[in-house]
Amino acid sequence: MIHLFLLGEISILWGALELDCMQVTCH
C-alpha cells in the first residue's frame, strides 16, 4: 500500500516537473 502511494507521489512530482520544463521550453 505504501509502495503504491509513493509511486503516485513520484509520478505527480514528475508530471509537475515536466509541466515546468514545457513552460520554459527546455526539451
Protein backbone atom coordinates (compact mmCIF):
# COMPACT_ATOMS: atom_id res chain seq x y z
CA MET A 1 0.00 0.00 0.00
CA ILE A 2 2.77 2.42 0.96
CA HIS A 3 4.69 1.48 -2.19
CA LEU A 4 1.72 2.41 -4.39
CA PHE A 5 1.31 5.71 -2.55
CA LEU A 6 4.99 6.52 -3.06
CA LEU A 7 4.73 5.68 -6.75
CA GLY A 8 1.78 8.05 -7.12
CA GLU A 9 3.64 10.84 -5.33
CA ILE A 10 6.66 10.39 -7.61
CA SER A 11 4.53 10.36 -10.76
CA ILE A 12 2.74 13.55 -9.64
CA LEU A 13 6.07 15.21 -8.88
CA TRP A 14 7.47 14.11 -12.26
CA GLY A 15 4.37 15.45 -14.02
CA ALA A 16 4.81 18.84 -12.34
CA LEU A 17 8.46 18.89 -13.36
CA GLU A 18 7.58 18.07 -16.96
CA LEU A 19 4.98 20.85 -16.99
CA ASP A 20 7.56 23.33 -15.68
CA CYS A 21 10.02 22.16 -18.35
CA MET A 22 7.43 22.68 -21.10
CA GLN A 23 6.65 26.19 -19.87
CA VAL A 24 10.34 27.07 -20.07
CA THR A 25 10.62 25.04 -23.31
CA CYS A 26 13.71 23.05 -22.32
CA HIS A 27 13.04 19.96 -24.48
